[in-house]
PDB file of N, CA and C in Angstrom:
ATOM      1  N   MET A   1      -8.248  -0.391  12.930  1.00  0.00           N
ATOM      2  CA  MET A   1      -8.374  -0.248  11.507  1.00  0.00           C
ATOM      3  C   MET A   1      -8.513  -1.305  10.834  1.00  0.00           C
ATOM      4  N   LYS A   2      -9.383  -1.346   9.954  1.00  0.00           N
ATOM      5  CA  LYS A   2      -9.599  -2.751   9.020  1.00  0.00           C
ATOM      6  C   LYS A   2      -9.293  -2.350   7.535  1.00  0.00           C
ATOM      7  N   ILE A   3      -8.438  -2.978   7.047  1.00  0.00           N
ATOM      8  CA  ILE A   3      -7.895  -2.680   5.622  1.00  0.00           C
ATOM      9  C   ILE A   3      -8.393  -4.018   4.789  1.00  0.00           C
ATOM     10  N   GLU A   4      -9.183  -3.785   3.801  1.00  0.00           N
ATOM     11  CA  GLU A   4      -9.663  -4.946   2.875  1.00  0.00           C
ATOM     12  C   GLU A   4      -9.013  -4.930   1.649  1.00  0.00           C
ATOM     13  N   ILE A   5      -8.570  -5.880   1.045  1.00  0.00           N
ATOM     14  CA  ILE A   5      -8.021  -6.229  -0.284  1.00  0.00           C
ATOM     15  C   ILE A   5      -9.182  -6.822  -1.083  1.00  0.00           C
ATOM     16  N   LEU A   6      -9.683  -6.208  -2.006  1.00  0.00           N
ATOM     17  CA  LEU A   6     -10.598  -6.765  -2.937  1.00  0.00           C
ATOM     18  C   LEU A   6     -10.032  -7.236  -4.203  1.00  0.00           C
ATOM     19  N   GLY A   7     -10.319  -8.495  -4.457  1.00  0.00           N
ATOM     20  CA  GLY A   7      -9.745  -9.117  -5.698  1.00  0.00           C
ATOM     21  C   GLY A   7      -9.961 -10.678  -5.667  1.00  0.00           C
ATOM     22  N   THR A   8      -9.793 -11.180  -6.766  1.00  0.00           N
ATOM     23  CA  THR A   8      -9.957 -12.646  -6.960  1.00  0.00           C
ATOM     24  C   THR A   8      -8.869 -13.436  -6.400  1.00  0.00           C
ATOM     25  N   GLY A   9      -7.718 -13.035  -6.140  1.00  0.00           N
ATOM     26  CA  GLY A   9      -6.660 -13.873  -5.761  1.00  0.00           C
ATOM     27  C   GLY A   9      -5.560 -13.941  -6.891  1.00  0.00           C
ATOM     28  N   CYS A  10      -5.634 -13.123  -7.859  1.00  0.00           N
ATOM     29  CA  CYS A  10      -4.708 -12.890  -8.866  1.00  0.00           C
ATOM     30  C   CYS A  10      -3.260 -12.386  -8.316  1.00  0.00           C
ATOM     31  N   PRO A  11      -2.309 -12.408  -9.118  1.00  0.00           N
ATOM     32  CA  PRO A  11      -0.987 -12.005  -8.704  1.00  0.00           C
ATOM     33  C   PRO A  11      -0.857 -10.537  -8.257  1.00  0.00           C
ATOM     34  N   LYS A  12      -1.800  -9.585  -8.944  1.00  0.00           N
ATOM     35  CA  LYS A  12      -1.724  -8.176  -8.548  1.00  0.00           C
ATOM     36  C   LYS A  12      -2.544  -8.007  -7.221  1.00  0.00           C
ATOM     37  N   CYS A  13      -3.489  -8.975  -6.912  1.00  0.00           N
ATOM     38  CA  CYS A  13      -4.036  -8.807  -5.618  1.00  0.00           C
ATOM     39  C   CYS A  13      -3.274  -9.191  -4.401  1.00  0.00           C
ATOM     40  N   LYS A  14      -2.400 -10.308  -4.824  1.00  0.00           N
ATOM     41  CA  LYS A  14      -1.442 -10.715  -3.750  1.00  0.00           C
ATOM     42  C   LYS A  14      -0.512  -9.766  -3.568  1.00  0.00           C
ATOM     43  N   ALA A  15       0.114  -9.223  -4.615  1.00  0.00           N
ATOM     44  CA  ALA A  15       1.172  -7.944  -4.397  1.00  0.00           C
ATOM     45  C   ALA A  15       0.593  -6.826  -3.704  1.00  0.00           C
ATOM     46  N   LEU A  16      -0.710  -6.377  -3.805  1.00  0.00           N
ATOM     47  CA  LEU A  16      -1.237  -5.480  -3.087  1.00  0.00           C
ATOM     48  C   LEU A  16      -1.411  -5.814  -1.491  1.00  0.00           C
ATOM     49  N   THR A  17      -1.806  -7.054  -1.449  1.00  0.00           N
ATOM     50  CA  THR A  17      -1.881  -7.479   0.050  1.00  0.00           C
ATOM     51  C   THR A  17      -0.512  -7.554   0.689  1.00  0.00           C
ATOM     52  N   ALA A  18       0.673  -7.894  -0.027  1.00  0.00           N
ATOM     53  CA  ALA A  18       1.769  -7.821   0.729  1.00  0.00           C
ATOM     54  C   ALA A  18       2.372  -6.391   0.929  1.00  0.00           C
ATOM     55  N   ASN A  19       1.970  -5.544  -0.025  1.00  0.00           N
ATOM     56  CA  ASN A  19       2.450  -4.002   0.321  1.00  0.00           C
ATOM     57  C   ASN A  19       1.719  -3.506   1.373  1.00  0.00           C
ATOM     58  N   ALA A  20       0.444  -3.929   1.412  1.00  0.00           N
ATOM     59  CA  ALA A  20      -0.500  -3.363   2.541  1.00  0.00           C
ATOM     60  C   ALA A  20       0.095  -3.947   3.947  1.00  0.00           C
ATOM     61  N   GLU A  21       0.458  -5.279   3.970  1.00  0.00           N
ATOM     62  CA  GLU A  21       1.025  -5.695   5.056  1.00  0.00           C
ATOM     63  C   GLU A  21       2.385  -5.078   5.634  1.00  0.00           C
ATOM     64  N   ALA A  22       3.309  -4.817   4.496  1.00  0.00           N
ATOM     65  CA  ALA A  22       4.484  -4.138   4.790  1.00  0.00           C
ATOM     66  C   ALA A  22       4.344  -2.772   5.310  1.00  0.00           C
ATOM     67  N   ALA A  23       3.346  -2.126   4.697  1.00  0.00           N
ATOM     68  CA  ALA A  23       2.936  -0.637   5.179  1.00  0.00           C
ATOM     69  C   ALA A  23       2.497  -0.675   6.589  1.00  0.00           C
ATOM     70  N   VAL A  24       1.631  -1.629   7.020  1.00  0.00           N
ATOM     71  CA  VAL A  24       1.236  -1.754   8.405  1.00  0.00           C
ATOM     72  C   VAL A  24       2.330  -1.957   9.352  1.00  0.00           C
ATOM     73  N   LYS A  25       3.241  -2.988   8.917  1.00  0.00           N
ATOM     74  CA  LYS A  25       4.391  -3.304   9.869  1.00  0.00           C
ATOM     75  C   LYS A  25       5.364  -2.210   9.816  1.00  0.00           C
ATOM     76  N   GLU A  26       5.586  -1.427   8.809  1.00  0.00           N
ATOM     77  CA  GLU A  26       6.629  -0.327   8.877  1.00  0.00           C
ATOM     78  C   GLU A  26       6.108   0.751   9.732  1.00  0.00           C
ATOM     79  N   LEU A  27       4.811   1.099   9.716  1.00  0.00           N
ATOM     80  CA  LEU A  27       4.281   2.044  10.588  1.00  0.00           C
ATOM     81  C   LEU A  27       3.989   1.711  12.029  1.00  0.00           C
ATOM     82  N   GLY A  28       3.999   0.214  12.174  1.00  0.00           N
ATOM     83  CA  GLY A  28       3.672  -0.220  13.633  1.00  0.00           C
ATOM     84  C   GLY A  28       2.265   0.107  13.999  1.00  0.00           C
ATOM     85  N   ILE A  29       1.430   0.060  13.168  1.00  0.00           N
ATOM     86  CA  ILE A  29       0.091   0.230  13.545  1.00  0.00           C
ATOM     87  C   ILE A  29      -0.746  -1.059  13.651  1.00  0.00           C
ATOM     88  N   ASP A  30      -1.829  -0.905  14.464  1.00  0.00           N
ATOM     89  CA  ASP A  30      -2.544  -2.114  14.650  1.00  0.00           C
ATOM     90  C   ASP A  30      -3.894  -2.154  13.680  1.00  0.00           C
ATOM     91  N   ALA A  31      -3.647  -2.909  12.558  1.00  0.00           N
ATOM     92  CA  ALA A  31      -4.741  -3.189  11.695  1.00  0.00           C
ATOM     93  C   ALA A  31      -5.148  -4.651  11.235  1.00  0.00           C
ATOM     94  N   GLU A  32      -6.255  -4.777  11.036  1.00  0.00           N
ATOM     95  CA  GLU A  32      -6.728  -6.026  10.503  1.00  0.00           C
ATOM     96  C   GLU A  32      -6.882  -5.995   9.113  1.00  0.00           C
ATOM     97  N   ILE A  33      -6.032  -6.948   8.346  1.00  0.00           N
ATOM     98  CA  ILE A  33      -5.845  -7.111   6.878  1.00  0.00           C
ATOM     99  C   ILE A  33      -6.845  -8.216   6.374  1.00  0.00           C
ATOM    100  N   VAL A  34      -7.952  -7.916   5.585  1.00  0.00           N
ATOM    101  CA  VAL A  34      -8.820  -8.954   5.132  1.00  0.00           C
ATOM    102  C   VAL A  34      -8.784  -9.172   3.540  1.00  0.00           C
ATOM    103  N   LYS A  35      -8.613 -10.206   3.126  1.00  0.00           N
ATOM    104  CA  LYS A  35      -8.823 -10.436   1.768  1.00  0.00           C
ATOM    105  C   LYS A  35     -10.251 -10.743   1.414  1.00  0.00           C
ATOM    106  N   VAL A  36     -10.791 -10.050   0.407  1.00  0.00           N
ATOM    107  CA  VAL A  36     -12.133 -10.158  -0.016  1.00  0.00           C
ATOM    108  C   VAL A  36     -12.106 -10.768  -1.455  1.00  0.00           C
ATOM    109  N   THR A  37     -12.612 -12.120  -1.520  1.00  0.00           N
ATOM    110  CA  THR A  37     -12.480 -12.760  -2.871  1.00  0.00           C
ATOM    111  C   THR A  37     -13.922 -12.995  -3.497  1.00  0.00           C
ATOM    112  N   ASP A  38     -14.901 -12.886  -2.614  1.00  0.00           N
ATOM    113  CA  ASP A  38     -16.387 -13.032  -2.983  1.00  0.00           C
ATOM    114  C   ASP A  38     -16.793 -12.010  -3.908  1.00  0.00           C
ATOM    115  N   ILE A  39     -17.200 -12.293  -5.304  1.00  0.00           N
ATOM    116  CA  ILE A  39     -17.659 -11.438  -6.260  1.00  0.00           C
ATOM    117  C   ILE A  39     -18.829 -10.487  -5.709  1.00  0.00           C
ATOM    118  N   LYS A  40     -19.662 -11.178  -4.979  1.00  0.00           N
ATOM    119  CA  LYS A  40     -20.776 -10.287  -4.447  1.00  0.00           C
ATOM    120  C   LYS A  40     -20.335  -9.415  -3.511  1.00  0.00           C
ATOM    121  N   GLU A  41     -19.499  -9.599  -2.518  1.00  0.00           N
ATOM    122  CA  GLU A  41     -18.942  -8.610  -1.631  1.00  0.00           C
ATOM    123  C   GLU A  41     -18.131  -7.467  -2.338  1.00  0.00           C
ATOM    124  N   ILE A  42     -17.396  -7.991  -3.361  1.00  0.00           N
ATOM    125  CA  ILE A  42     -16.472  -6.927  -4.239  1.00  0.00           C
ATOM    126  C   ILE A  42     -17.575  -5.959  -4.871  1.00  0.00           C
ATOM    127  N   MET A  43     -18.661  -6.455  -5.343  1.00  0.00           N
ATOM    128  CA  MET A  43     -19.611  -5.661  -6.140  1.00  0.00           C
ATOM    129  C   MET A  43     -20.172  -4.609  -5.242  1.00  0.00           C
ATOM    130  N   ARG A  44     -20.317  -5.049  -3.905  1.00  0.00           N
ATOM    131  CA  ARG A  44     -21.060  -4.201  -3.024  1.00  0.00           C
ATOM    132  C   ARG A  44     -20.326  -2.872  -3.030  1.00  0.00           C
ATOM    133  N   TYR A  45     -19.100  -2.793  -3.190  1.00  0.00           N
ATOM    134  CA  TYR A  45     -18.049  -1.394  -3.263  1.00  0.00           C
ATOM    135  C   TYR A  45     -18.253  -0.764  -4.492  1.00  0.00           C
ATOM    136  N   LYS A  46     -19.048  -1.101  -5.466  1.00  0.00           N
ATOM    137  CA  LYS A  46     -19.262  -0.433  -6.714  1.00  0.00           C
ATOM    138  C   LYS A  46     -17.856  -0.077  -7.401  1.00  0.00           C
ATOM    139  N   ILE A  47     -16.947  -1.014  -7.364  1.00  0.00           N
ATOM    140  CA  ILE A  47     -15.746  -0.752  -8.231  1.00  0.00           C
ATOM    141  C   ILE A  47     -15.725  -1.586  -9.498  1.00  0.00           C
ATOM    142  N   MET A  48     -15.036  -1.006 -10.574  1.00  0.00           N
ATOM    143  CA  MET A  48     -15.015  -1.734 -11.687  1.00  0.00           C
ATOM    144  C   MET A  48     -13.635  -2.534 -11.955  1.00  0.00           C
ATOM    145  N   LEU A  49     -12.723  -2.222 -11.139  1.00  0.00           N
ATOM    146  CA  LEU A  49     -11.279  -2.778 -11.530  1.00  0.00           C
ATOM    147  C   LEU A  49     -10.745  -3.394 -10.128  1.00  0.00           C
ATOM    148  N   VAL A  50     -10.138  -4.579 -10.227  1.00  0.00           N
ATOM    149  CA  VAL A  50      -9.393  -5.102  -9.002  1.00  0.00           C
ATOM    150  C   VAL A  50      -7.982  -5.108  -9.282  1.00  0.00           C
ATOM    151  N   PRO A  51      -7.115  -5.028  -8.344  1.00  0.00           N
ATOM    152  CA  PRO A  51      -7.247  -5.129  -6.975  1.00  0.00           C
ATOM    153  C   PRO A  51      -7.752  -3.924  -6.494  1.00  0.00           C
ATOM    154  N   ALA A  52      -8.456  -3.700  -5.285  1.00  0.00           N
ATOM    155  CA  ALA A  52      -8.960  -2.561  -4.613  1.00  0.00           C
ATOM    156  C   ALA A  52      -8.482  -2.395  -3.282  1.00  0.00           C
ATOM    157  N   LEU A  53      -8.033  -1.311  -2.762  1.00  0.00           N
ATOM    158  CA  LEU A  53      -7.750  -1.125  -1.340  1.00  0.00           C
ATOM    159  C   LEU A  53      -8.882  -0.452  -0.713  1.00  0.00           C
ATOM    160  N   VAL A  54      -9.369  -0.765   0.524  1.00  0.00           N
ATOM    161  CA  VAL A  54     -10.447  -0.376   1.184  1.00  0.00           C
ATOM    162  C   VAL A  54      -9.956  -0.231   2.574  1.00  0.00           C
ATOM    163  N   ILE A  55     -10.193   1.060   3.074  1.00  0.00           N
ATOM    164  CA  ILE A  55      -9.641   1.340   4.569  1.00  0.00           C
ATOM    165  C   ILE A  55     -10.910   1.758   5.340  1.00  0.00           C
ATOM    166  N   ASP A  56     -11.259   1.105   6.477  1.00  0.00           N
ATOM    167  CA  ASP A  56     -12.382   1.238   7.242  1.00  0.00           C
ATOM    168  C   ASP A  56     -13.575   1.754   6.435  1.00  0.00           C
ATOM    169  N   GLY A  57     -13.889   0.834   5.437  1.00  0.00           N
ATOM    170  CA  GLY A  57     -15.021   0.942   4.637  1.00  0.00           C
ATOM    171  C   GLY A  57     -15.046   1.757   3.502  1.00  0.00           C
ATOM    172  N   VAL A  58     -14.005   2.553   3.314  1.00  0.00           N
ATOM    173  CA  VAL A  58     -13.892   3.595   2.081  1.00  0.00           C
ATOM    174  C   VAL A  58     -12.891   3.116   1.109  1.00  0.00           C
ATOM    175  N   VAL A  59     -13.210   3.088  -0.108  1.00  0.00           N
ATOM    176  CA  VAL A  59     -12.398   2.664  -1.182  1.00  0.00           C
ATOM    177  C   VAL A  59     -11.239   3.739  -1.453  1.00  0.00           C
ATOM    178  N   LYS A  60     -10.195   3.460  -1.344  1.00  0.00           N
ATOM    179  CA  LYS A  60      -9.018   4.352  -1.463  1.00  0.00           C
ATOM    180  C   LYS A  60      -8.332   4.296  -2.827  1.00  0.00           C
ATOM    181  N   SER A  61      -8.315   3.036  -3.562  1.00  0.00           N
ATOM    182  CA  SER A  61      -7.715   2.687  -4.718  1.00  0.00           C
ATOM    183  C   SER A  61      -8.434   1.561  -5.338  1.00  0.00           C
ATOM    184  N   ALA A  62      -8.479   1.577  -6.684  1.00  0.00           N
ATOM    185  CA  ALA A  62      -9.008   0.469  -7.586  1.00  0.00           C
ATOM    186  C   ALA A  62      -8.298   0.373  -8.816  1.00  0.00           C
ATOM    187  N   GLY A  63      -7.808  -0.930  -9.018  1.00  0.00           N
ATOM    188  CA  GLY A  63      -7.268  -1.132 -10.435  1.00  0.00           C
ATOM    189  C   GLY A  63      -5.783  -0.911 -10.542  1.00  0.00           C
ATOM    190  N   LYS A  64      -5.176  -0.793  -9.426  1.00  0.00           N
ATOM    191  CA  LYS A  64      -3.697  -0.576  -9.497  1.00  0.00           C
ATOM    192  C   LYS A  64      -3.110  -1.196  -8.119  1.00  0.00           C
ATOM    193  N   ILE A  65      -1.796  -1.548  -8.231  1.00  0.00           N
ATOM    194  CA  ILE A  65      -1.050  -1.912  -7.091  1.00  0.00           C
ATOM    195  C   ILE A  65      -0.341  -0.623  -6.549  1.00  0.00           C
ATOM    196  N   LEU A  66      -0.834  -0.369  -5.379  1.00  0.00           N
ATOM    197  CA  LEU A  66      -0.171   0.654  -4.720  1.00  0.00           C
ATOM    198  C   LEU A  66       1.136   0.283  -4.110  1.00  0.00           C
ATOM    199  N   SER A  67       2.157   1.143  -4.105  1.00  0.00           N
ATOM    200  CA  SER A  67       3.440   0.829  -3.409  1.00  0.00           C
ATOM    201  C   SER A  67       3.274   0.924  -2.024  1.00  0.00           C
ATOM    202  N   VAL A  68       4.266   0.367  -1.128  1.00  0.00           N
ATOM    203  CA  VAL A  68       4.268   0.481   0.227  1.00  0.00           C
ATOM    204  C   VAL A  68       4.107   1.934   0.851  1.00  0.00           C
ATOM    205  N   GLU A  69       4.925   2.684  -0.040  1.00  0.00           N
ATOM    206  CA  GLU A  69       4.960   4.251   0.395  1.00  0.00           C
ATOM    207  C   GLU A  69       3.482   4.748   0.230  1.00  0.00           C
ATOM    208  N   GLU A  70       2.882   4.514  -0.878  1.00  0.00           N
ATOM    209  CA  GLU A  70       1.663   5.135  -1.185  1.00  0.00           C
ATOM    210  C   GLU A  70       0.526   4.672  -0.187  1.00  0.00           C
ATOM    211  N   ILE A  71       0.719   3.388   0.233  1.00  0.00           N
ATOM    212  CA  ILE A  71      -0.402   2.813   1.226  1.00  0.00           C
ATOM    213  C   ILE A  71      -0.049   3.526   2.651  1.00  0.00           C
ATOM    214  N   LYS A  72       1.231   3.714   2.861  1.00  0.00           N
ATOM    215  CA  LYS A  72       1.593   4.548   4.172  1.00  0.00           C
ATOM    216  C   LYS A  72       0.935   5.822   4.173  1.00  0.00           C
ATOM    217  N   LYS A  73       1.038   6.444   3.168  1.00  0.00           N
ATOM    218  CA  LYS A  73       0.401   7.939   3.217  1.00  0.00           C
ATOM    219  C   LYS A  73      -1.140   7.895   3.311  1.00  0.00           C
ATOM    220  N   LEU A  74      -1.770   6.824   2.914  1.00  0.00           N
ATOM    221  CA  LEU A  74      -3.332   6.599   2.969  1.00  0.00           C
ATOM    222  C   LEU A  74      -3.562   6.230   4.397  1.00  0.00           C
ATOM    223  N   LEU A  75      -2.712   5.572   5.065  1.00  0.00           N
ATOM    224  CA  LEU A  75      -2.860   4.974   6.651  1.00  0.00           C
ATOM    225  C   LEU A  75      -2.734   6.163   7.429  1.00  0.00           C
TER     226      LEU A  75
END
């Protein structure tokens, strides 16, 4: 499973990354978490707000910090 965090490195992006890492750890699943900071790559997903959470190439959330529990439900 590949999880991408789209954002420029702002505090919200870092919080979403931390929550995604915690969710993966709590579920005990094997997932690669990648931070995508390149604007051209982010634009490829056609989102208007960051941070965004992408799971296996599908945008699951944009513009908000999902909690650990919310991310666990998506995984």
